[in-house]
């Protein structure tokens, strides 16, 4: 979880929460950009505030707030952290992520993989979480995204992970549905081609994206773990559940 943003970004986030109740993102952005009342904050702070809300899931994919800050709440940045950050939720997300990684470590070993390493336990610099060799000595690098929500899949992709994906043919994003007891109820591969098409791009040399929140559609998923060339690493039949994240048993996807 990123560190707490500065006062300006937090105040921008509070304004987004207030005005997204009555208008969509483009209209609110125009208000903040052109109305002199809101010129005390910069466009960068407004952009950072919006991205912060997206990362913390406090606005929906459609740009609607999931919390009500109230019409009369003063724009006091000291109030925002109590709305936007929850230590218990933070710990829960970390626990779900760790459970997903443990599940795939175990499943890969059960499938006869060798040299299975939990590299993210050492450093995030690799751009993936797990490295392994298939029985045919092919190297795979697995980025794990875990959730307890079977209805939709939302993943956060860092720029570094995206760059590693682009350069590494063995890179796979594996999504794990984690059950109440920490077991993997379903595992799916997120299409590399879809990820490449969905990530943002830098509009100028003055700024660059660092993290993206992506809502993965069913057509970008396939049960099991599939390498870029279509070779199965983990069969979908043993760990894929029909209907999870909208997947169908025989749904085709370009990975």
Protein backbone atom coordinates (compact mmCIF):
# COMPACT_ATOMS: atom_id res chain seq x y z
CA UNK A 1 0.00 0.00 0.00
CA UNK A 2 1.45 3.41 -0.94
CA UNK A 3 2.27 5.94 1.79
CA UNK A 4 -0.22 8.62 2.78
CA UNK A 5 -0.32 11.41 0.15
CA UNK A 6 0.23 15.06 0.94
CA UNK A 7 -2.40 17.47 2.21
CA UNK A 8 -3.22 18.82 -1.25
CA UNK A 9 -3.84 15.39 -2.72
CA UNK A 10 -6.03 14.39 0.21
CA UNK A 11 -8.09 17.56 -0.08
CA UNK A 12 -8.46 16.94 -3.81
CA UNK A 13 -9.68 13.42 -3.04
CA UNK A 14 -12.30 14.81 -0.65
CA UNK A 15 -13.57 17.18 -3.34
CA UNK A 16 -13.80 14.32 -5.83
CA UNK A 17 -15.85 12.29 -3.32
CA UNK A 18 -18.23 15.20 -2.83
CA UNK A 19 -18.84 16.17 -6.46
CA UNK A 20 -18.81 12.70 -8.04
CA UNK A 21 -22.11 12.16 -6.23
CA UNK A 22 -23.79 14.51 -8.73
CA UNK A 23 -21.62 14.47 -11.88
CA UNK A 24 -19.28 12.21 -13.83
CA UNK A 25 -15.48 12.35 -13.86
CA UNK A 26 -15.05 14.51 -17.03
CA UNK A 27 -17.51 17.14 -15.77
CA UNK A 28 -15.97 17.30 -12.30
CA UNK A 29 -12.49 17.51 -13.80
CA UNK A 30 -13.65 20.44 -15.96
CA UNK A 31 -15.06 22.14 -12.86
CA UNK A 32 -11.79 21.75 -10.97
CA UNK A 33 -9.74 22.90 -13.97
CA UNK A 34 -11.71 26.00 -14.98
CA UNK A 35 -13.57 27.34 -11.95
CA UNK A 36 -11.47 29.87 -9.98
CA UNK A 37 -12.90 28.57 -6.70
CA UNK A 38 -10.85 25.38 -7.09
CA UNK A 39 -7.65 26.93 -8.43
CA UNK A 40 -5.94 26.61 -5.03
CA UNK A 41 -5.04 23.04 -6.02
CA UNK A 42 -3.10 22.04 -9.13
CA UNK A 43 -4.33 19.70 -11.91
CA UNK A 44 -1.65 17.23 -10.78
CA UNK A 45 -3.08 17.18 -7.25
CA UNK A 46 -6.57 16.59 -8.60
CA UNK A 47 -5.28 13.77 -10.81
CA UNK A 48 -3.40 12.22 -7.88
CA UNK A 49 -6.47 12.53 -5.65
CA UNK A 50 -8.63 10.71 -8.21
CA UNK A 51 -6.06 7.96 -8.69
CA UNK A 52 -5.79 7.54 -4.94
CA UNK A 53 -9.56 6.98 -4.70
CA UNK A 54 -9.36 4.40 -7.50
CA UNK A 55 -6.49 2.53 -5.83
CA UNK A 56 -8.36 2.37 -2.54
CA UNK A 57 -11.63 1.28 -4.23
CA UNK A 58 -13.52 4.26 -2.81
CA UNK A 59 -15.04 5.00 -6.20
CA UNK A 60 -16.55 2.43 -8.52
CA UNK A 61 -15.39 1.65 -12.06
CA UNK A 62 -18.14 4.03 -13.20
CA UNK A 63 -16.68 6.81 -11.04
CA UNK A 64 -19.28 6.79 -8.27
CA UNK A 65 -18.25 7.18 -4.59
CA UNK A 66 -18.80 4.24 -2.26
CA UNK A 67 -18.73 6.53 0.79
CA UNK A 68 -20.82 9.61 1.55
CA UNK A 69 -18.72 12.47 2.90
CA UNK A 70 -21.80 14.66 3.40
CA UNK A 71 -22.74 17.96 1.88
CA UNK A 72 -21.54 20.07 4.82
CA UNK A 73 -18.23 18.36 5.55
CA UNK A 74 -15.54 21.07 5.52
CA UNK A 75 -12.67 20.69 3.08
CA UNK A 76 -10.25 19.92 5.88
CA UNK A 77 -7.47 17.57 4.83
CA UNK A 78 -7.14 16.29 8.39
CA UNK A 79 -10.53 14.58 8.00
CA UNK A 80 -9.71 12.74 4.80
CA UNK A 81 -7.46 9.94 6.12
CA UNK A 82 -10.24 8.79 8.44
CA UNK A 83 -12.45 8.38 5.37
CA UNK A 84 -9.90 6.96 2.95
CA UNK A 85 -7.66 4.68 5.01
CA UNK A 86 -8.56 1.74 7.16
CA UNK A 87 -5.78 -0.28 8.76
CA UNK A 88 -7.95 -3.39 9.09
CA UNK A 89 -8.85 -3.33 5.38
CA UNK A 90 -5.20 -2.78 4.50
CA UNK A 91 -4.17 -5.84 6.50
CA UNK A 92 -7.02 -7.88 5.01
CA UNK A 93 -5.88 -7.05 1.45
CA UNK A 94 -2.32 -8.03 2.30
CA UNK A 95 -3.52 -11.30 3.82
CA UNK A 96 -5.58 -12.12 0.71
CA UNK A 97 -2.59 -11.39 -1.53
CA UNK A 98 -0.31 -13.58 0.56
CA UNK A 99 -2.87 -16.39 0.56
CA UNK A 100 -3.12 -16.26 -3.23
CA UNK A 101 0.64 -16.50 -3.59
CA UNK A 102 0.83 -19.44 -1.15
CA UNK A 103 -1.92 -21.24 -3.06
CA UNK A 104 -0.11 -20.95 -6.39
CA UNK A 105 3.22 -21.96 -4.88
CA UNK A 106 1.58 -25.17 -3.65
CA UNK A 107 -0.31 -25.82 -6.91
CA UNK A 108 2.81 -25.37 -9.03
CA UNK A 109 4.74 -27.85 -6.91
CA UNK A 110 1.86 -30.34 -7.07
CA UNK A 111 1.99 -30.08 -10.89
CA UNK A 112 5.66 -31.12 -10.89
CA UNK A 113 7.25 -27.69 -11.33
CA UNK A 114 10.83 -27.35 -10.18
CA UNK A 115 12.88 -24.39 -8.94
CA UNK A 116 9.69 -22.84 -7.56
CA UNK A 117 10.74 -19.61 -5.87
CA UNK A 118 8.68 -17.00 -4.04
CA UNK A 119 10.75 -14.08 -5.31
CA UNK A 120 8.42 -11.30 -4.12
CA UNK A 121 9.16 -12.40 -0.56
CA UNK A 122 12.70 -11.20 -1.23
CA UNK A 123 12.05 -8.09 -3.35
CA UNK A 124 9.46 -6.40 -5.55
CA UNK A 125 12.18 -5.55 -8.06
CA UNK A 126 11.60 -8.70 -10.14
CA UNK A 127 8.26 -7.52 -11.54
CA UNK A 128 6.59 -10.84 -10.70
CA UNK A 129 5.90 -12.92 -7.57
CA UNK A 130 6.83 -16.51 -8.36
CA UNK A 131 9.44 -18.09 -10.61
CA UNK A 132 9.43 -21.75 -11.66
CA UNK A 133 10.51 -24.28 -14.28
CA UNK A 134 7.95 -26.44 -16.04
CA UNK A 135 8.58 -30.20 -16.42
CA UNK A 136 9.89 -29.40 -19.91
CA UNK A 137 12.38 -26.87 -18.43
CA UNK A 138 10.50 -23.79 -19.63
CA UNK A 139 10.83 -20.82 -17.33
CA UNK A 140 7.70 -19.06 -16.10
CA UNK A 141 7.41 -15.86 -14.09
CA UNK A 142 4.06 -15.55 -12.37
CA UNK A 143 2.51 -12.28 -11.22
CA UNK A 144 -0.25 -13.16 -8.71
CA UNK A 145 -3.43 -11.14 -8.18
CA UNK A 146 -5.78 -12.43 -5.47
CA UNK A 147 -9.33 -11.55 -4.45
CA UNK A 148 -12.26 -12.94 -2.48
CA UNK A 149 -14.83 -11.45 -4.88
CA UNK A 150 -16.13 -14.02 -7.41
CA UNK A 151 -18.30 -11.48 -9.25
CA UNK A 152 -15.61 -9.28 -10.79
CA UNK A 153 -11.84 -9.13 -11.03
CA UNK A 154 -10.02 -5.86 -10.34
CA UNK A 155 -6.22 -5.86 -10.54
CA UNK A 156 -3.58 -3.23 -9.93
CA UNK A 157 -0.68 -3.31 -12.38
CA UNK A 158 2.46 -1.28 -11.77
CA UNK A 159 4.48 0.23 -14.57
CA UNK A 160 7.40 -2.00 -13.65
CA UNK A 161 5.23 -5.12 -13.89
CA UNK A 162 3.96 -3.94 -17.27
CA UNK A 163 7.48 -3.37 -18.57
CA UNK A 164 8.60 -6.80 -17.36
CA UNK A 165 5.55 -8.35 -19.06
CA UNK A 166 6.45 -6.67 -22.36
CA UNK A 167 10.04 -7.94 -22.27
CA UNK A 168 9.55 -11.40 -20.74
CA UNK A 169 7.74 -14.13 -22.75
CA UNK A 170 7.55 -16.29 -19.61
CA UNK A 171 5.57 -13.69 -17.65
CA UNK A 172 2.02 -14.72 -16.70
CA UNK A 173 -0.60 -12.92 -14.65
CA UNK A 174 -2.48 -15.45 -12.56
CA UNK A 175 -5.69 -14.43 -10.78
CA UNK A 176 -6.70 -16.40 -7.69
CA UNK A 177 -10.10 -16.52 -6.02
CA UNK A 178 -9.30 -17.13 -2.35
CA UNK A 179 -11.83 -18.91 -0.13
CA UNK A 180 -12.63 -18.26 3.52
CA UNK A 181 -10.03 -20.77 4.68
CA UNK A 182 -7.32 -19.47 2.37
CA UNK A 183 -7.69 -22.12 -0.34
CA UNK A 184 -7.70 -21.37 -4.07
CA UNK A 185 -11.28 -21.75 -5.30
CA UNK A 186 -10.42 -20.70 -8.84
CA UNK A 187 -7.34 -19.74 -10.84
CA UNK A 188 -7.33 -17.94 -14.18
CA UNK A 189 -4.89 -16.35 -16.61
CA UNK A 190 -5.34 -12.70 -17.52
CA UNK A 191 -4.68 -12.09 -21.20
CA UNK A 192 -1.34 -10.40 -21.87
CA UNK A 193 -2.67 -8.78 -25.02
CA UNK A 194 -5.63 -7.37 -23.12
CA UNK A 195 -3.36 -6.04 -20.37
CA UNK A 196 -1.15 -4.36 -22.97
CA UNK A 197 -4.19 -2.70 -24.55
CA UNK A 198 -5.64 -1.57 -21.21
CA UNK A 199 -2.66 0.09 -19.54
CA UNK A 200 -2.38 3.88 -19.75
CA UNK A 201 0.20 5.74 -21.81
CA UNK A 202 2.27 8.81 -21.06
CA UNK A 203 0.82 11.87 -22.78
CA UNK A 204 3.93 14.00 -22.38
CA UNK A 205 7.48 13.91 -21.09
CA UNK A 206 6.31 15.85 -18.02
CA UNK A 207 4.43 12.95 -16.49
CA UNK A 208 4.32 9.16 -16.45
CA UNK A 209 1.88 6.61 -15.14
CA UNK A 210 3.15 4.38 -12.32
CA UNK A 211 0.15 2.23 -11.38
CA UNK A 212 -3.13 1.32 -13.08
CA UNK A 213 -6.34 -0.10 -11.66
CA UNK A 214 -7.89 -2.45 -14.23
CA UNK A 215 -11.31 -4.11 -14.25
CA UNK A 216 -10.75 -7.35 -16.15
CA UNK A 217 -13.60 -8.41 -18.49
CA UNK A 218 -14.57 -12.11 -18.79
CA UNK A 219 -13.24 -12.31 -22.36
CA UNK A 220 -9.74 -11.50 -21.08
CA UNK A 221 -9.71 -14.53 -18.75
CA UNK A 222 -9.12 -18.21 -19.23
CA UNK A 223 -9.29 -20.89 -16.49
CA UNK A 224 -5.95 -22.27 -15.33
CA UNK A 225 -2.49 -20.91 -16.05
CA UNK A 226 -1.59 -20.55 -19.72
CA UNK A 227 1.76 -19.56 -21.19
CA UNK A 228 1.98 -16.96 -23.96
CA UNK A 229 2.12 -19.58 -26.70
CA UNK A 230 -1.00 -21.33 -25.38
CA UNK A 231 0.71 -24.12 -23.42
CA UNK A 232 -1.08 -25.06 -20.20
CA UNK A 233 0.91 -24.72 -16.98
CA UNK A 234 -1.97 -25.45 -14.64
CA UNK A 235 -5.07 -27.12 -16.10
CA UNK A 236 -8.25 -25.08 -15.93
CA UNK A 237 -10.35 -28.10 -15.06
CA UNK A 238 -8.58 -28.60 -11.75
CA UNK A 239 -8.83 -25.03 -10.52
CA UNK A 240 -11.34 -23.16 -12.69
CA UNK A 241 -14.94 -22.58 -11.66
CA UNK A 242 -17.61 -21.80 -14.21
CA UNK A 243 -19.14 -18.39 -13.67
CA UNK A 244 -16.33 -16.95 -11.55
CA UNK A 245 -15.60 -13.42 -12.83
CA UNK A 246 -18.01 -14.16 -15.68
CA UNK A 247 -15.81 -16.91 -17.17
CA UNK A 248 -17.29 -19.74 -19.17
CA UNK A 249 -15.82 -23.25 -19.32
CA UNK A 250 -14.75 -23.07 -22.95
CA UNK A 251 -14.32 -19.37 -23.33
CA UNK A 252 -11.43 -18.57 -25.67
CA UNK A 253 -8.92 -15.83 -25.00
CA UNK A 254 -5.71 -14.69 -26.62
CA UNK A 255 -2.95 -14.85 -24.04
